[in-house]
């Protein structure tokens, strides 16, 4: 049985841009992932509205502690840092994610077990026309640079990487969150990606 942690912000929690409520379990992308991976996989959801990379060390460590043992960690973060921290540098966010990867490694060294595989997920590109009437204050160019930096980090660290902007788009209602149809697309893609990814890692003989 593979244990898979989906760790992210409101787009993992399942924020509905139409009404601010939470999509049902079956409509959220981790739920779609659960349904499509099926037997042999346990999907653990840890999404939180407003979650950021920077300043999240204790919370991430706590999630690892609660959910050990894990085989795969999907990390889908970064947009809130850009959205709510006007002066934040993209390099600082990438460095923050690198520290999260180190936390994973150290955590599993301490318990004497092999570290789980990590898959980083890039940010969905936002459109200035979509967000102009919303309360979000996003530098669109930063989001693009962030996803490029994330790809580079994944390559250096030997992680998986999913460029979500090639799969889904943000809602026209607020320019940042995902609608139900996009959650479905993302969950289906991640399921296919995970199957292929696991066949090329040291976990491929587990089941």
N, C-alpha and C. Protein backbone atom coordinates (compact mmCIF):
# COMPACT_ATOMS: atom_id res chain seq x y z
N UNK A 1 0.85 -1.20 0.00
CA UNK A 1 0.00 0.00 0.00
C UNK A 1 0.88 1.25 0.00
N UNK A 2 0.73 2.08 -1.01
CA UNK A 2 1.42 3.37 -1.06
C UNK A 2 0.62 4.41 -0.26
N UNK A 3 1.30 5.15 0.59
CA UNK A 3 0.68 6.25 1.32
C UNK A 3 1.14 7.57 0.69
N UNK A 4 0.16 8.35 0.21
CA UNK A 4 0.44 9.55 -0.56
C UNK A 4 -0.14 10.76 0.16
N UNK A 5 0.72 11.73 0.51
CA UNK A 5 0.28 12.97 1.17
C UNK A 5 0.15 14.08 0.14
N UNK A 6 -1.03 14.70 0.09
CA UNK A 6 -1.26 15.87 -0.76
C UNK A 6 -1.21 17.10 0.16
N UNK A 7 -0.12 17.86 0.09
CA UNK A 7 0.10 18.97 1.01
C UNK A 7 0.05 20.28 0.23
N UNK A 8 -0.92 21.14 0.57
CA UNK A 8 -1.04 22.35 -0.22
C UNK A 8 -1.90 23.42 0.44
N UNK A 9 -2.33 24.37 -0.39
CA UNK A 9 -3.11 25.50 0.09
C UNK A 9 -4.58 25.33 -0.26
N UNK A 10 -5.26 26.43 -0.57
CA UNK A 10 -6.70 26.37 -0.81
C UNK A 10 -7.07 25.55 -2.04
N UNK A 11 -6.17 25.47 -3.01
CA UNK A 11 -6.48 24.67 -4.19
C UNK A 11 -6.32 23.17 -3.93
N UNK A 12 -5.73 22.81 -2.80
CA UNK A 12 -5.73 21.42 -2.35
C UNK A 12 -6.86 21.19 -1.36
N UNK A 13 -7.14 22.20 -0.54
CA UNK A 13 -8.28 22.14 0.39
C UNK A 13 -9.58 22.00 -0.38
N UNK A 14 -9.67 22.67 -1.54
CA UNK A 14 -10.86 22.58 -2.36
C UNK A 14 -11.75 23.80 -2.33
N UNK A 15 -11.16 24.98 -2.24
CA UNK A 15 -11.91 26.25 -2.19
C UNK A 15 -12.70 26.45 -3.48
N UNK A 16 -14.00 26.67 -3.34
CA UNK A 16 -14.88 26.90 -4.49
C UNK A 16 -14.95 28.41 -4.77
N UNK A 17 -14.42 28.88 -5.91
CA UNK A 17 -14.40 30.32 -6.17
C UNK A 17 -15.78 30.93 -6.36
N UNK A 18 -16.79 30.09 -6.56
CA UNK A 18 -18.15 30.61 -6.77
C UNK A 18 -18.80 31.06 -5.47
N UNK A 19 -18.44 30.40 -4.35
CA UNK A 19 -19.14 30.71 -3.10
C UNK A 19 -18.25 30.67 -1.85
N UNK A 20 -16.98 30.34 -2.00
CA UNK A 20 -16.08 30.29 -0.87
C UNK A 20 -16.21 29.05 -0.01
N UNK A 21 -17.11 28.15 -0.38
CA UNK A 21 -17.27 26.90 0.36
C UNK A 21 -16.27 25.86 -0.15
N UNK A 22 -16.31 24.68 0.44
CA UNK A 22 -15.38 23.63 0.05
C UNK A 22 -16.05 22.64 -0.90
N UNK A 23 -15.36 22.32 -1.99
CA UNK A 23 -15.86 21.28 -2.87
C UNK A 23 -15.96 19.96 -2.10
N UNK A 24 -16.85 19.10 -2.54
CA UNK A 24 -16.99 17.79 -1.91
C UNK A 24 -15.72 16.97 -2.12
N UNK A 25 -15.55 15.93 -1.32
CA UNK A 25 -14.36 15.09 -1.41
C UNK A 25 -14.16 14.54 -2.82
N UNK A 26 -15.25 14.14 -3.45
CA UNK A 26 -15.15 13.56 -4.79
C UNK A 26 -14.80 14.56 -5.86
N UNK A 27 -15.04 15.85 -5.59
CA UNK A 27 -14.75 16.89 -6.58
C UNK A 27 -13.37 17.50 -6.42
N UNK A 28 -12.76 17.39 -5.25
CA UNK A 28 -11.41 17.93 -5.04
C UNK A 28 -10.38 17.07 -5.75
N UNK A 29 -9.29 17.69 -6.23
CA UNK A 29 -8.33 16.90 -7.01
C UNK A 29 -7.73 15.74 -6.22
N UNK A 30 -7.48 15.85 -4.88
CA UNK A 30 -7.01 14.66 -4.18
C UNK A 30 -8.04 13.53 -4.17
N UNK A 31 -9.33 13.91 -4.14
CA UNK A 31 -10.38 12.90 -4.19
C UNK A 31 -10.45 12.22 -5.55
N UNK A 32 -10.27 13.00 -6.61
CA UNK A 32 -10.21 12.43 -7.96
C UNK A 32 -9.00 11.51 -8.07
N UNK A 33 -7.88 11.93 -7.49
CA UNK A 33 -6.67 11.11 -7.46
C UNK A 33 -6.95 9.79 -6.75
N UNK A 34 -7.60 9.86 -5.60
CA UNK A 34 -7.91 8.66 -4.80
C UNK A 34 -8.75 7.68 -5.63
N UNK A 35 -9.77 8.20 -6.26
CA UNK A 35 -10.68 7.36 -7.03
C UNK A 35 -9.99 6.69 -8.21
N UNK A 36 -9.07 7.41 -8.84
CA UNK A 36 -8.45 6.89 -10.06
C UNK A 36 -7.21 6.03 -9.80
N UNK A 37 -6.54 6.23 -8.68
CA UNK A 37 -5.45 5.32 -8.35
C UNK A 37 -5.98 4.00 -7.80
N UNK A 38 -7.07 4.08 -7.03
CA UNK A 38 -7.74 2.87 -6.58
C UNK A 38 -6.97 2.08 -5.55
N UNK A 39 -7.16 0.77 -5.58
CA UNK A 39 -6.57 -0.13 -4.60
C UNK A 39 -5.04 -0.02 -4.63
N UNK A 40 -4.45 -0.12 -3.46
CA UNK A 40 -3.00 -0.04 -3.36
C UNK A 40 -2.49 1.34 -3.03
N UNK A 41 -3.40 2.33 -2.93
CA UNK A 41 -3.00 3.70 -2.62
C UNK A 41 -3.90 4.27 -1.53
N UNK A 42 -3.28 4.89 -0.54
CA UNK A 42 -4.02 5.66 0.47
C UNK A 42 -3.67 7.12 0.29
N UNK A 43 -4.68 7.93 -0.01
CA UNK A 43 -4.47 9.36 -0.27
C UNK A 43 -4.83 10.15 0.98
N UNK A 44 -3.87 10.94 1.46
CA UNK A 44 -4.04 11.75 2.67
C UNK A 44 -4.09 13.23 2.26
N UNK A 45 -5.18 13.90 2.58
CA UNK A 45 -5.34 15.31 2.20
C UNK A 45 -4.92 16.22 3.35
N UNK A 46 -4.03 17.16 3.06
CA UNK A 46 -3.67 18.19 4.03
C UNK A 46 -3.57 19.52 3.30
N UNK A 47 -4.73 20.09 3.03
CA UNK A 47 -4.82 21.40 2.39
C UNK A 47 -5.33 22.42 3.38
N UNK A 48 -4.87 23.66 3.24
CA UNK A 48 -5.27 24.71 4.17
C UNK A 48 -5.32 26.05 3.44
N UNK A 49 -6.42 26.76 3.60
CA UNK A 49 -6.56 28.07 2.98
C UNK A 49 -5.47 29.02 3.49
N UNK A 50 -4.83 29.74 2.56
CA UNK A 50 -3.84 30.74 2.93
C UNK A 50 -2.47 30.20 3.24
N UNK A 51 -2.27 28.90 3.15
CA UNK A 51 -0.97 28.32 3.52
C UNK A 51 0.12 28.85 2.60
N UNK A 52 1.29 29.13 3.20
CA UNK A 52 2.43 29.65 2.45
C UNK A 52 3.65 28.76 2.65
N UNK A 53 4.61 28.90 1.76
CA UNK A 53 5.87 28.19 1.90
C UNK A 53 6.67 28.78 3.06
N UNK A 54 6.86 30.10 3.01
CA UNK A 54 7.68 30.77 4.01
C UNK A 54 6.95 30.82 5.35
N UNK A 55 7.63 30.39 6.38
CA UNK A 55 7.04 30.36 7.70
C UNK A 55 6.24 29.12 8.00
N UNK A 56 6.31 28.12 7.13
CA UNK A 56 5.48 26.93 7.28
C UNK A 56 6.25 25.73 7.80
N UNK A 57 7.47 25.93 8.24
CA UNK A 57 8.34 24.81 8.62
C UNK A 57 7.71 23.94 9.71
N UNK A 58 7.24 24.56 10.78
CA UNK A 58 6.68 23.80 11.90
C UNK A 58 5.43 23.03 11.48
N UNK A 59 4.59 23.68 10.68
CA UNK A 59 3.35 23.04 10.25
C UNK A 59 3.63 21.85 9.34
N UNK A 60 4.60 22.01 8.45
CA UNK A 60 4.96 20.92 7.55
C UNK A 60 5.55 19.75 8.34
N UNK A 61 6.44 20.05 9.27
CA UNK A 61 7.03 19.01 10.10
C UNK A 61 5.95 18.26 10.89
N UNK A 62 4.97 19.01 11.38
CA UNK A 62 3.88 18.40 12.13
C UNK A 62 3.07 17.45 11.24
N UNK A 63 2.83 17.86 10.00
CA UNK A 63 2.08 17.02 9.07
C UNK A 63 2.84 15.72 8.79
N UNK A 64 4.15 15.83 8.62
CA UNK A 64 4.95 14.62 8.40
C UNK A 64 4.84 13.69 9.61
N UNK A 65 4.94 14.28 10.80
CA UNK A 65 4.85 13.47 12.01
C UNK A 65 3.52 12.76 12.15
N UNK A 66 2.43 13.47 11.85
CA UNK A 66 1.09 12.88 11.97
C UNK A 66 0.87 11.76 10.97
N UNK A 67 1.46 11.90 9.79
CA UNK A 67 1.10 11.02 8.68
C UNK A 67 2.14 9.97 8.31
N UNK A 68 3.27 9.96 9.01
CA UNK A 68 4.25 8.90 8.77
C UNK A 68 3.62 7.53 9.02
N UNK A 69 4.04 6.50 8.28
CA UNK A 69 5.02 6.55 7.18
C UNK A 69 4.37 7.00 5.88
N UNK A 70 5.16 7.63 5.01
CA UNK A 70 4.68 8.10 3.73
C UNK A 70 5.58 7.56 2.62
N UNK A 71 5.00 7.34 1.47
CA UNK A 71 5.77 6.90 0.31
C UNK A 71 5.95 8.01 -0.72
N UNK A 72 4.94 8.88 -0.82
CA UNK A 72 4.96 9.97 -1.80
C UNK A 72 4.38 11.22 -1.15
N UNK A 73 5.01 12.37 -1.39
CA UNK A 73 4.48 13.66 -0.94
C UNK A 73 4.33 14.57 -2.15
N UNK A 74 3.12 15.04 -2.36
CA UNK A 74 2.83 16.04 -3.39
C UNK A 74 2.75 17.39 -2.71
N UNK A 75 3.57 18.35 -3.14
CA UNK A 75 3.58 19.69 -2.53
C UNK A 75 3.10 20.71 -3.57
N UNK A 76 1.99 21.37 -3.24
CA UNK A 76 1.35 22.31 -4.17
C UNK A 76 1.18 23.64 -3.44
N UNK A 77 2.24 24.46 -3.44
CA UNK A 77 2.28 25.70 -2.67
C UNK A 77 2.99 26.80 -3.46
N UNK A 78 2.90 28.03 -2.95
CA UNK A 78 3.71 29.13 -3.48
C UNK A 78 2.94 30.37 -3.88
N UNK A 79 1.72 30.20 -4.37
CA UNK A 79 0.98 31.37 -4.86
C UNK A 79 0.64 32.33 -3.73
N UNK A 80 0.32 31.82 -2.55
CA UNK A 80 -0.03 32.71 -1.44
C UNK A 80 1.16 33.57 -1.01
N UNK A 81 2.37 33.02 -1.11
CA UNK A 81 3.54 33.83 -0.79
C UNK A 81 3.63 35.03 -1.73
N UNK A 82 3.38 34.80 -3.02
CA UNK A 82 3.43 35.86 -4.02
C UNK A 82 2.26 36.83 -3.84
N UNK A 83 1.11 36.27 -3.49
CA UNK A 83 -0.12 37.06 -3.41
C UNK A 83 -0.13 38.00 -2.20
N UNK A 84 0.34 37.51 -1.06
CA UNK A 84 0.19 38.27 0.18
C UNK A 84 1.48 38.88 0.71
N UNK A 85 2.60 38.55 0.10
CA UNK A 85 3.88 39.14 0.51
C UNK A 85 4.45 39.93 -0.66
N UNK A 86 4.11 41.19 -0.73
CA UNK A 86 4.41 42.01 -1.91
C UNK A 86 5.90 42.03 -2.25
N UNK A 87 6.76 42.07 -1.23
CA UNK A 87 8.19 42.21 -1.47
C UNK A 87 8.94 40.88 -1.50
N UNK A 88 8.21 39.77 -1.47
CA UNK A 88 8.88 38.48 -1.44
C UNK A 88 9.64 38.24 -2.75
N UNK A 89 10.80 37.62 -2.64
CA UNK A 89 11.59 37.25 -3.81
C UNK A 89 11.28 35.81 -4.19
N UNK A 90 11.16 35.57 -5.49
CA UNK A 90 10.89 34.21 -5.95
C UNK A 90 11.96 33.25 -5.44
N UNK A 91 13.21 33.69 -5.44
CA UNK A 91 14.30 32.83 -4.96
C UNK A 91 14.10 32.45 -3.50
N UNK A 92 13.50 33.34 -2.71
CA UNK A 92 13.26 33.02 -1.30
C UNK A 92 12.21 31.91 -1.16
N UNK A 93 11.19 31.96 -2.02
CA UNK A 93 10.17 30.91 -1.98
C UNK A 93 10.78 29.57 -2.37
N UNK A 94 11.59 29.59 -3.42
CA UNK A 94 12.25 28.35 -3.86
C UNK A 94 13.17 27.82 -2.75
N UNK A 95 13.90 28.72 -2.09
CA UNK A 95 14.75 28.31 -0.97
C UNK A 95 13.91 27.70 0.15
N UNK A 96 12.72 28.26 0.36
CA UNK A 96 11.83 27.72 1.38
C UNK A 96 11.39 26.31 1.06
N UNK A 97 11.11 26.06 -0.20
CA UNK A 97 10.74 24.70 -0.61
C UNK A 97 11.92 23.75 -0.50
N UNK A 98 13.11 24.25 -0.81
CA UNK A 98 14.31 23.42 -0.64
C UNK A 98 14.46 23.01 0.83
N UNK A 99 14.14 23.92 1.75
CA UNK A 99 14.20 23.59 3.18
C UNK A 99 13.16 22.54 3.53
N UNK A 100 12.00 22.60 2.89
CA UNK A 100 10.97 21.58 3.13
C UNK A 100 11.47 20.21 2.68
N UNK A 101 12.17 20.18 1.55
CA UNK A 101 12.74 18.91 1.08
C UNK A 101 13.77 18.38 2.07
N UNK A 102 14.54 19.28 2.65
CA UNK A 102 15.53 18.87 3.64
C UNK A 102 14.84 18.36 4.91
N UNK A 103 13.72 18.97 5.28
CA UNK A 103 12.96 18.49 6.43
C UNK A 103 12.49 17.05 6.21
N UNK A 104 12.05 16.76 4.99
CA UNK A 104 11.63 15.39 4.66
C UNK A 104 12.80 14.44 4.88
N UNK A 105 13.95 14.80 4.35
CA UNK A 105 15.13 13.93 4.45
C UNK A 105 15.53 13.72 5.92
N UNK A 106 15.60 14.82 6.67
CA UNK A 106 16.01 14.73 8.07
C UNK A 106 15.00 13.94 8.90
N UNK A 107 13.72 14.17 8.62
CA UNK A 107 12.66 13.49 9.36
C UNK A 107 12.80 11.98 9.24
N UNK A 108 13.09 11.51 8.04
CA UNK A 108 13.16 10.07 7.83
C UNK A 108 14.51 9.50 8.25
N UNK A 109 15.55 10.33 8.25
CA UNK A 109 16.81 9.87 8.83
C UNK A 109 16.64 9.58 10.32
N UNK A 110 15.88 10.46 10.98
CA UNK A 110 15.69 10.32 12.43
C UNK A 110 14.91 9.06 12.78
N UNK A 111 13.98 8.65 11.92
CA UNK A 111 13.20 7.45 12.23
C UNK A 111 13.80 6.21 11.56
N UNK A 112 14.93 6.40 10.88
CA UNK A 112 15.65 5.28 10.30
C UNK A 112 14.93 4.61 9.15
N UNK A 113 14.24 5.38 8.35
CA UNK A 113 13.51 4.83 7.21
C UNK A 113 13.86 5.59 5.95
N UNK A 114 13.60 4.99 4.80
CA UNK A 114 13.87 5.67 3.53
C UNK A 114 12.91 6.84 3.35
N UNK A 115 13.42 7.95 2.87
CA UNK A 115 12.58 9.13 2.66
C UNK A 115 11.60 8.88 1.52
N UNK A 116 10.41 9.46 1.62
CA UNK A 116 9.44 9.32 0.54
C UNK A 116 9.86 10.09 -0.71
N UNK A 117 9.31 9.70 -1.83
CA UNK A 117 9.50 10.46 -3.06
C UNK A 117 8.66 11.73 -2.96
N UNK A 118 9.18 12.84 -3.51
CA UNK A 118 8.47 14.11 -3.48
C UNK A 118 8.18 14.56 -4.91
N UNK A 119 6.97 15.03 -5.13
CA UNK A 119 6.56 15.60 -6.42
C UNK A 119 6.15 17.05 -6.16
N UNK A 120 6.85 17.99 -6.77
CA UNK A 120 6.52 19.41 -6.65
C UNK A 120 5.55 19.79 -7.75
N UNK A 121 4.58 20.63 -7.43
CA UNK A 121 3.57 21.05 -8.38
C UNK A 121 3.66 22.55 -8.61
N UNK A 122 3.83 22.95 -9.86
CA UNK A 122 3.95 24.36 -10.21
C UNK A 122 2.65 25.11 -10.05
N UNK A 123 2.74 26.43 -10.02
CA UNK A 123 1.56 27.27 -9.86
C UNK A 123 0.79 27.41 -11.17
N UNK A 124 -0.52 27.51 -11.06
CA UNK A 124 -1.34 27.78 -12.23
C UNK A 124 -1.13 29.23 -12.64
N UNK A 125 -0.77 29.50 -13.91
CA UNK A 125 -0.61 30.89 -14.33
C UNK A 125 -1.90 31.67 -14.12
N UNK A 126 -1.77 32.89 -13.60
CA UNK A 126 -2.93 33.74 -13.43
C UNK A 126 -2.95 34.78 -14.53
N UNK A 127 -4.13 35.29 -14.79
CA UNK A 127 -4.32 36.26 -15.86
C UNK A 127 -4.74 37.59 -15.26
N UNK A 128 -4.06 38.66 -15.63
CA UNK A 128 -4.37 39.98 -15.06
C UNK A 128 -5.81 40.38 -15.30
N UNK A 129 -6.38 39.97 -16.43
CA UNK A 129 -7.77 40.31 -16.72
C UNK A 129 -8.72 39.60 -15.75
N UNK A 130 -8.31 38.42 -15.29
CA UNK A 130 -9.14 37.65 -14.38
C UNK A 130 -9.12 38.22 -12.97
N UNK A 131 -7.99 38.78 -12.57
CA UNK A 131 -7.85 39.19 -11.17
C UNK A 131 -8.06 40.68 -10.94
N UNK A 132 -8.30 41.44 -12.00
CA UNK A 132 -8.34 42.90 -11.84
C UNK A 132 -9.45 43.38 -10.93
N UNK A 133 -10.55 42.62 -10.84
CA UNK A 133 -11.66 43.04 -9.99
C UNK A 133 -11.70 42.29 -8.66
N UNK A 134 -10.64 41.55 -8.37
CA UNK A 134 -10.61 40.76 -7.14
C UNK A 134 -9.68 41.39 -6.12
N UNK A 135 -9.72 40.87 -4.91
CA UNK A 135 -8.89 41.45 -3.85
C UNK A 135 -7.45 40.96 -3.92
N UNK A 136 -7.18 39.98 -4.75
CA UNK A 136 -5.81 39.46 -4.85
C UNK A 136 -4.90 40.47 -5.53
N UNK A 137 -3.70 40.57 -5.04
CA UNK A 137 -2.71 41.50 -5.59
C UNK A 137 -1.51 40.67 -6.04
N UNK A 138 -1.58 40.13 -7.25
CA UNK A 138 -0.60 39.17 -7.72
C UNK A 138 0.26 39.77 -8.83
N UNK A 139 1.55 39.58 -8.70
CA UNK A 139 2.44 39.93 -9.79
C UNK A 139 2.53 38.71 -10.70
N UNK A 140 1.85 38.78 -11.83
CA UNK A 140 1.71 37.63 -12.71
C UNK A 140 3.07 37.10 -13.15
N UNK A 141 3.98 37.99 -13.43
CA UNK A 141 5.30 37.57 -13.90
C UNK A 141 6.03 36.75 -12.84
N UNK A 142 5.79 37.07 -11.58
CA UNK A 142 6.41 36.32 -10.49
C UNK A 142 5.92 34.86 -10.48
N UNK A 143 4.66 34.68 -10.77
CA UNK A 143 4.10 33.33 -10.79
C UNK A 143 4.79 32.50 -11.87
N UNK A 144 5.03 33.10 -13.03
CA UNK A 144 5.71 32.41 -14.12
C UNK A 144 7.14 32.05 -13.70
N UNK A 145 7.86 33.01 -13.11
CA UNK A 145 9.23 32.75 -12.68
C UNK A 145 9.28 31.71 -11.57
N UNK A 146 8.26 31.72 -10.72
CA UNK A 146 8.21 30.75 -9.64
C UNK A 146 8.14 29.32 -10.18
N UNK A 147 7.26 29.09 -11.14
CA UNK A 147 7.13 27.74 -11.68
C UNK A 147 8.41 27.30 -12.39
N UNK A 148 9.10 28.23 -13.05
CA UNK A 148 10.38 27.89 -13.67
C UNK A 148 11.42 27.52 -12.61
N UNK A 149 11.45 28.30 -11.54
CA UNK A 149 12.38 28.01 -10.46
C UNK A 149 12.07 26.69 -9.77
N UNK A 150 10.79 26.37 -9.68
CA UNK A 150 10.38 25.11 -9.07
C UNK A 150 10.83 23.92 -9.92
N UNK A 151 10.70 24.06 -11.23
CA UNK A 151 11.17 23.00 -12.12
C UNK A 151 12.68 22.78 -11.93
N UNK A 152 13.43 23.86 -11.82
CA UNK A 152 14.87 23.76 -11.64
C UNK A 152 15.20 23.07 -10.31
N UNK A 153 14.48 23.44 -9.24
CA UNK A 153 14.69 22.81 -7.95
C UNK A 153 14.42 21.31 -8.02
N UNK A 154 13.32 20.95 -8.65
CA UNK A 154 12.97 19.53 -8.77
C UNK A 154 14.07 18.76 -9.49
N UNK A 155 14.63 19.37 -10.52
CA UNK A 155 15.70 18.71 -11.27
C UNK A 155 16.94 18.51 -10.39
N UNK A 156 17.30 19.56 -9.64
CA UNK A 156 18.48 19.48 -8.78
C UNK A 156 18.30 18.46 -7.66
N UNK A 157 17.08 18.40 -7.12
CA UNK A 157 16.83 17.57 -5.95
C UNK A 157 16.39 16.15 -6.31
N UNK A 158 16.18 15.89 -7.58
CA UNK A 158 15.74 14.57 -7.98
C UNK A 158 14.28 14.30 -7.66
N UNK A 159 13.48 15.35 -7.63
CA UNK A 159 12.05 15.22 -7.35
C UNK A 159 11.25 15.12 -8.65
N UNK A 160 10.01 14.72 -8.51
CA UNK A 160 9.10 14.83 -9.63
C UNK A 160 8.63 16.27 -9.76
N UNK A 161 8.13 16.63 -10.93
CA UNK A 161 7.62 17.98 -11.14
C UNK A 161 6.43 17.93 -12.07
N UNK A 162 5.34 18.59 -11.68
CA UNK A 162 4.14 18.69 -12.51
C UNK A 162 3.90 20.17 -12.81
N UNK A 163 3.93 20.52 -14.08
CA UNK A 163 3.67 21.90 -14.49
C UNK A 163 2.17 22.07 -14.69
N UNK A 164 1.49 22.45 -13.62
CA UNK A 164 0.03 22.47 -13.64
C UNK A 164 -0.53 23.43 -14.68
N UNK A 165 0.24 24.46 -15.02
CA UNK A 165 -0.23 25.43 -16.00
C UNK A 165 -0.42 24.87 -17.38
N UNK A 166 0.14 23.71 -17.65
CA UNK A 166 -0.06 23.04 -18.95
C UNK A 166 -1.28 22.14 -18.94
N UNK A 167 -1.91 22.01 -17.77
CA UNK A 167 -3.01 21.06 -17.62
C UNK A 167 -4.33 21.78 -17.33
N UNK A 168 -4.26 22.80 -16.49
CA UNK A 168 -5.47 23.45 -15.98
C UNK A 168 -5.32 24.96 -16.06
N UNK A 169 -6.43 25.66 -15.81
CA UNK A 169 -6.39 27.12 -15.74
C UNK A 169 -7.21 27.58 -14.56
N UNK A 170 -6.89 28.78 -14.09
CA UNK A 170 -7.59 29.31 -12.93
C UNK A 170 -8.97 29.82 -13.32
N UNK A 171 -9.82 29.94 -12.32
CA UNK A 171 -11.21 30.35 -12.54
C UNK A 171 -11.30 31.79 -13.03
N UNK A 172 -12.23 32.03 -13.93
CA UNK A 172 -12.49 33.40 -14.38
C UNK A 172 -13.19 34.21 -13.29
N UNK A 173 -13.64 33.54 -12.23
CA UNK A 173 -14.33 34.24 -11.14
C UNK A 173 -13.37 35.01 -10.26
N UNK A 174 -12.16 34.44 -10.04
CA UNK A 174 -11.21 35.17 -9.19
C UNK A 174 -9.77 35.09 -9.70
N UNK A 175 -9.52 34.31 -10.73
CA UNK A 175 -8.20 34.29 -11.36
C UNK A 175 -7.14 33.53 -10.61
N UNK A 176 -7.50 32.82 -9.56
CA UNK A 176 -6.48 32.12 -8.76
C UNK A 176 -6.90 30.72 -8.33
N UNK A 177 -8.19 30.50 -8.08
CA UNK A 177 -8.65 29.20 -7.62
C UNK A 177 -9.13 28.33 -8.79
N UNK A 178 -9.36 27.07 -8.48
CA UNK A 178 -9.76 26.10 -9.50
C UNK A 178 -11.25 25.80 -9.39
N UNK A 179 -11.90 25.69 -10.54
CA UNK A 179 -13.28 25.23 -10.56
C UNK A 179 -13.31 23.71 -10.62
N UNK A 180 -14.49 23.13 -10.44
CA UNK A 180 -14.60 21.67 -10.30
C UNK A 180 -14.01 20.93 -11.50
N UNK A 181 -14.25 21.43 -12.69
CA UNK A 181 -13.74 20.77 -13.88
C UNK A 181 -12.22 20.73 -13.92
N UNK A 182 -11.58 21.78 -13.39
CA UNK A 182 -10.13 21.82 -13.37
C UNK A 182 -9.57 20.89 -12.29
N UNK A 183 -10.28 20.78 -11.16
CA UNK A 183 -9.89 19.80 -10.14
C UNK A 183 -9.88 18.39 -10.76
N UNK A 184 -10.90 18.10 -11.55
CA UNK A 184 -10.97 16.77 -12.18
C UNK A 184 -9.80 16.54 -13.11
N UNK A 185 -9.52 17.53 -13.96
CA UNK A 185 -8.39 17.41 -14.89
C UNK A 185 -7.08 17.17 -14.13
N UNK A 186 -6.89 17.95 -13.05
CA UNK A 186 -5.64 17.84 -12.30
C UNK A 186 -5.53 16.48 -11.62
N UNK A 187 -6.61 16.03 -10.98
CA UNK A 187 -6.59 14.74 -10.32
C UNK A 187 -6.29 13.60 -11.27
N UNK A 188 -6.88 13.63 -12.46
CA UNK A 188 -6.64 12.59 -13.46
C UNK A 188 -5.19 12.62 -13.93
N UNK A 189 -4.66 13.83 -14.16
CA UNK A 189 -3.28 13.93 -14.62
C UNK A 189 -2.32 13.43 -13.54
N UNK A 190 -2.54 13.85 -12.30
CA UNK A 190 -1.64 13.45 -11.22
C UNK A 190 -1.67 11.93 -11.04
N UNK A 191 -2.84 11.31 -11.20
CA UNK A 191 -2.93 9.86 -11.10
C UNK A 191 -2.06 9.19 -12.15
N UNK A 192 -2.16 9.64 -13.39
CA UNK A 192 -1.33 9.06 -14.47
C UNK A 192 0.14 9.33 -14.22
N UNK A 193 0.46 10.55 -13.80
CA UNK A 193 1.85 10.91 -13.54
C UNK A 193 2.43 10.05 -12.43
N UNK A 194 1.66 9.86 -11.36
CA UNK A 194 2.15 9.09 -10.21
C UNK A 194 2.45 7.65 -10.60
N UNK A 195 1.60 7.05 -11.41
CA UNK A 195 1.85 5.67 -11.83
C UNK A 195 3.18 5.57 -12.59
N UNK A 196 3.39 6.50 -13.52
CA UNK A 196 4.63 6.48 -14.30
C UNK A 196 5.83 6.81 -13.43
N UNK A 197 5.66 7.80 -12.56
CA UNK A 197 6.75 8.24 -11.68
C UNK A 197 7.21 7.11 -10.77
N UNK A 198 6.27 6.38 -10.22
CA UNK A 198 6.62 5.33 -9.27
C UNK A 198 7.32 4.15 -9.93
N UNK A 199 7.06 3.93 -11.20
CA UNK A 199 7.75 2.83 -11.89
C UNK A 199 9.22 3.15 -12.10
N UNK A 200 9.60 4.43 -11.95
CA UNK A 200 10.98 4.84 -12.17
C UNK A 200 11.70 5.22 -10.88
N UNK A 201 11.13 4.83 -9.75
CA UNK A 201 11.74 5.14 -8.45
C UNK A 201 12.02 3.85 -7.70
N UNK A 202 12.64 4.01 -6.55
CA UNK A 202 12.94 2.84 -5.73
C UNK A 202 11.71 2.28 -5.02
N UNK A 203 10.54 2.84 -5.28
CA UNK A 203 9.32 2.31 -4.68
C UNK A 203 8.60 1.33 -5.59
N UNK A 204 9.12 1.14 -6.82
CA UNK A 204 8.36 0.41 -7.81
C UNK A 204 8.16 -1.06 -7.49
N UNK A 205 8.89 -1.59 -6.52
CA UNK A 205 8.72 -3.00 -6.17
C UNK A 205 7.97 -3.19 -4.85
N UNK A 206 7.39 -2.10 -4.35
CA UNK A 206 6.74 -2.20 -3.04
C UNK A 206 5.50 -3.08 -3.10
N UNK A 207 4.65 -2.87 -4.12
CA UNK A 207 3.40 -3.63 -4.19
C UNK A 207 3.58 -4.91 -5.00
